[in-house]
Amino acid sequence: EAARAWADKEEQRRFEEQARLALESKIEQDAPKVLFADSVSASRSSILIGELAKILAQNGVKMGQNRLFVYLREKGFLIQSGSRKNTPTQRSMEMGLFEVKEYLVHNPDGSTRTRFTTKVTGKGQLYFVKKFLSAITPAAA
């Protein structure tokens, strides 16, 4: 019985060692992603949608700015047409994914127009990077 107990303990120790090594390997693999997520979430500034497309490209998602705009409109994150085209929908604003910067443009005739620029918040950057990365990499079981 003592020999069996020792063999069981030894097997348990080997199993725990393999599990520890696997976790250490996973932590090492995920370090760049964690650093990216921490830096984005700590960022107080929003970025343009074109810059988000570049971040996605750096993470292996082959989608440029124009295709990203099309995707965001088709999936209901941005308004599809009209004077408010490419501005966030109410749902995406409530999710905190975008913000809208408003500015005035002075025309040569003296009149002014209000223009809007849609920017992706830090929360939105994380949301879309996770969304696209989960679509191209199968989830670990």
Protein backbone atom coordinates (compact mmCIF):
# COMPACT_ATOMS: atom_id res chain seq x y z
CA GLU A 1 0.00 0.00 0.00
CA ALA A 2 2.83 2.38 0.82
CA ALA A 3 4.38 1.77 -2.61
CA ARG A 4 1.01 2.37 -4.31
CA ALA A 5 0.48 5.59 -2.33
CA TRP A 6 3.98 6.76 -3.27
CA ALA A 7 3.34 5.94 -6.96
CA ASP A 8 0.03 7.84 -6.87
CA LYS A 9 1.70 10.87 -5.28
CA GLU A 10 4.49 10.74 -7.84
CA GLU A 11 1.98 10.57 -10.71
CA GLN A 12 0.05 13.51 -9.21
CA ARG A 13 3.30 15.50 -8.88
CA ARG A 14 4.18 14.84 -12.56
CA PHE A 15 0.69 15.85 -13.65
CA GLU A 16 0.88 19.10 -11.65
CA GLU A 17 4.34 19.84 -13.08
CA GLN A 18 3.04 19.39 -16.65
CA ALA A 19 0.07 21.62 -15.90
CA ARG A 20 2.35 24.29 -14.40
CA LEU A 21 4.64 24.21 -17.45
CA ALA A 22 1.65 24.46 -19.81
CA LEU A 23 0.32 27.48 -17.90
CA GLU A 24 3.72 29.17 -17.90
CA SER A 25 3.94 28.63 -21.67
CA LYS A 26 0.44 30.08 -22.14
CA ILE A 27 1.33 33.12 -20.03
CA GLU A 28 4.44 33.68 -22.11
CA GLN A 29 2.45 33.37 -25.36
CA ASP A 30 -0.24 35.79 -24.15
CA ALA A 31 2.16 38.42 -22.80
CA PRO A 32 2.05 40.64 -25.95
CA LYS A 33 -1.75 40.50 -26.02
CA VAL A 34 -1.96 41.40 -22.35
CA LEU A 35 0.45 44.30 -22.85
CA PHE A 36 -1.63 45.53 -25.81
CA ALA A 37 -4.89 45.24 -23.86
CA ASP A 38 -3.43 47.03 -20.84
CA SER A 39 -2.06 49.87 -22.95
CA VAL A 40 -5.33 50.32 -24.85
CA SER A 41 -7.50 50.21 -21.75
CA ALA A 42 -5.22 52.68 -19.98
CA SER A 43 -5.31 55.03 -22.96
CA ARG A 44 -7.51 58.05 -22.52
CA SER A 45 -7.45 58.93 -26.19
CA SER A 46 -9.65 57.59 -28.93
CA ILE A 47 -8.39 56.68 -32.37
CA LEU A 48 -9.71 57.00 -35.90
CA ILE A 49 -11.27 53.98 -37.57
CA GLY A 50 -8.37 53.84 -40.04
CA GLU A 51 -5.96 53.50 -37.12
CA LEU A 52 -8.09 50.65 -35.75
CA ALA A 53 -7.74 48.93 -39.13
CA LYS A 54 -3.94 49.20 -38.77
CA ILE A 55 -4.07 47.70 -35.27
CA LEU A 56 -6.17 44.84 -36.61
CA ALA A 57 -3.68 44.31 -39.44
CA GLN A 58 -0.83 44.11 -36.90
CA ASN A 59 -2.81 41.38 -35.14
CA GLY A 60 -3.28 39.32 -38.32
CA VAL A 61 -6.67 40.59 -39.51
CA LYS A 62 -6.44 41.40 -43.23
CA MET A 63 -8.89 44.30 -43.41
CA GLY A 64 -8.17 47.84 -44.49
CA GLN A 65 -9.96 51.03 -43.54
CA ASN A 66 -12.58 50.90 -46.29
CA ARG A 67 -13.56 47.29 -45.62
CA LEU A 68 -13.69 48.02 -41.89
CA PHE A 69 -16.12 50.90 -42.52
CA VAL A 70 -18.27 48.58 -44.67
CA TYR A 71 -18.20 45.90 -41.95
CA LEU A 72 -19.14 48.39 -39.21
CA ARG A 73 -22.06 49.69 -41.29
CA GLU A 74 -23.30 46.20 -42.23
CA LYS A 75 -23.15 44.98 -38.62
CA GLY A 76 -25.07 48.01 -37.31
CA PHE A 77 -22.24 49.78 -35.50
CA LEU A 78 -22.33 52.79 -37.84
CA ILE A 79 -25.22 54.51 -39.62
CA GLN A 80 -25.42 53.32 -43.25
CA SER A 81 -26.61 56.36 -45.21
CA GLY A 82 -27.79 59.93 -45.13
CA SER A 83 -26.17 62.99 -43.63
CA ARG A 84 -25.10 60.97 -40.58
CA LYS A 85 -23.39 58.18 -42.58
CA ASN A 86 -20.49 56.62 -40.67
CA THR A 87 -21.57 58.06 -37.33
CA PRO A 88 -22.23 55.58 -34.51
CA THR A 89 -25.63 54.05 -33.97
CA GLN A 90 -27.33 54.54 -30.63
CA ARG A 91 -26.53 50.94 -29.66
CA SER A 92 -22.79 51.29 -30.28
CA MET A 93 -22.72 54.61 -28.41
CA GLU A 94 -24.48 53.01 -25.42
CA MET A 95 -21.90 50.20 -25.53
CA GLY A 96 -19.17 52.88 -25.28
CA LEU A 97 -17.40 51.74 -28.44
CA PHE A 98 -17.28 55.12 -30.19
CA GLU A 99 -17.27 58.81 -29.53
CA VAL A 100 -18.03 61.63 -31.91
CA LYS A 101 -15.85 64.72 -32.18
CA GLU A 102 -17.73 67.73 -33.47
CA TYR A 103 -16.03 70.69 -35.10
CA LEU A 104 -16.94 73.72 -37.20
CA VAL A 105 -15.78 74.31 -40.76
CA HIS A 106 -15.75 77.91 -41.95
CA ASN A 107 -16.69 78.24 -45.61
CA PRO A 108 -15.21 80.93 -47.87
CA ASP A 109 -18.61 82.66 -48.11
CA GLY A 110 -18.57 83.21 -44.34
CA SER A 111 -21.01 80.47 -43.40
CA THR A 112 -20.10 77.59 -41.13
CA ARG A 113 -20.87 73.89 -41.19
CA THR A 114 -20.76 71.40 -38.38
CA ARG A 115 -18.71 68.29 -39.17
CA PHE A 116 -18.39 65.07 -37.19
CA THR A 117 -15.52 62.62 -36.82
CA THR A 118 -16.19 59.15 -35.45
CA LYS A 119 -13.46 57.87 -33.14
CA VAL A 120 -13.03 54.46 -31.51
CA THR A 121 -12.67 54.53 -27.71
CA GLY A 122 -10.21 52.34 -25.80
CA LYS A 123 -13.11 50.07 -24.89
CA GLY A 124 -14.08 49.89 -28.57
CA GLN A 125 -10.53 49.03 -29.59
CA LEU A 126 -10.47 46.09 -27.18
CA TYR A 127 -13.96 45.02 -28.26
CA PHE A 128 -13.13 44.93 -31.98
CA VAL A 129 -9.67 43.39 -31.59
CA LYS A 130 -11.16 40.60 -29.44
CA LYS A 131 -14.06 40.19 -31.89
CA PHE A 132 -11.83 39.84 -34.94
CA LEU A 133 -9.17 37.72 -33.25
CA SER A 134 -11.78 35.28 -31.94
CA ALA A 135 -13.14 34.99 -35.48
CA ILE A 136 -9.75 34.05 -36.98
CA THR A 137 -8.36 31.89 -34.17
CA PRO A 138 -10.28 28.91 -32.84
CA ALA A 139 -11.00 29.05 -29.13
CA ALA A 140 -8.77 26.93 -26.94
CA ALA A 141 -10.62 23.98 -25.48
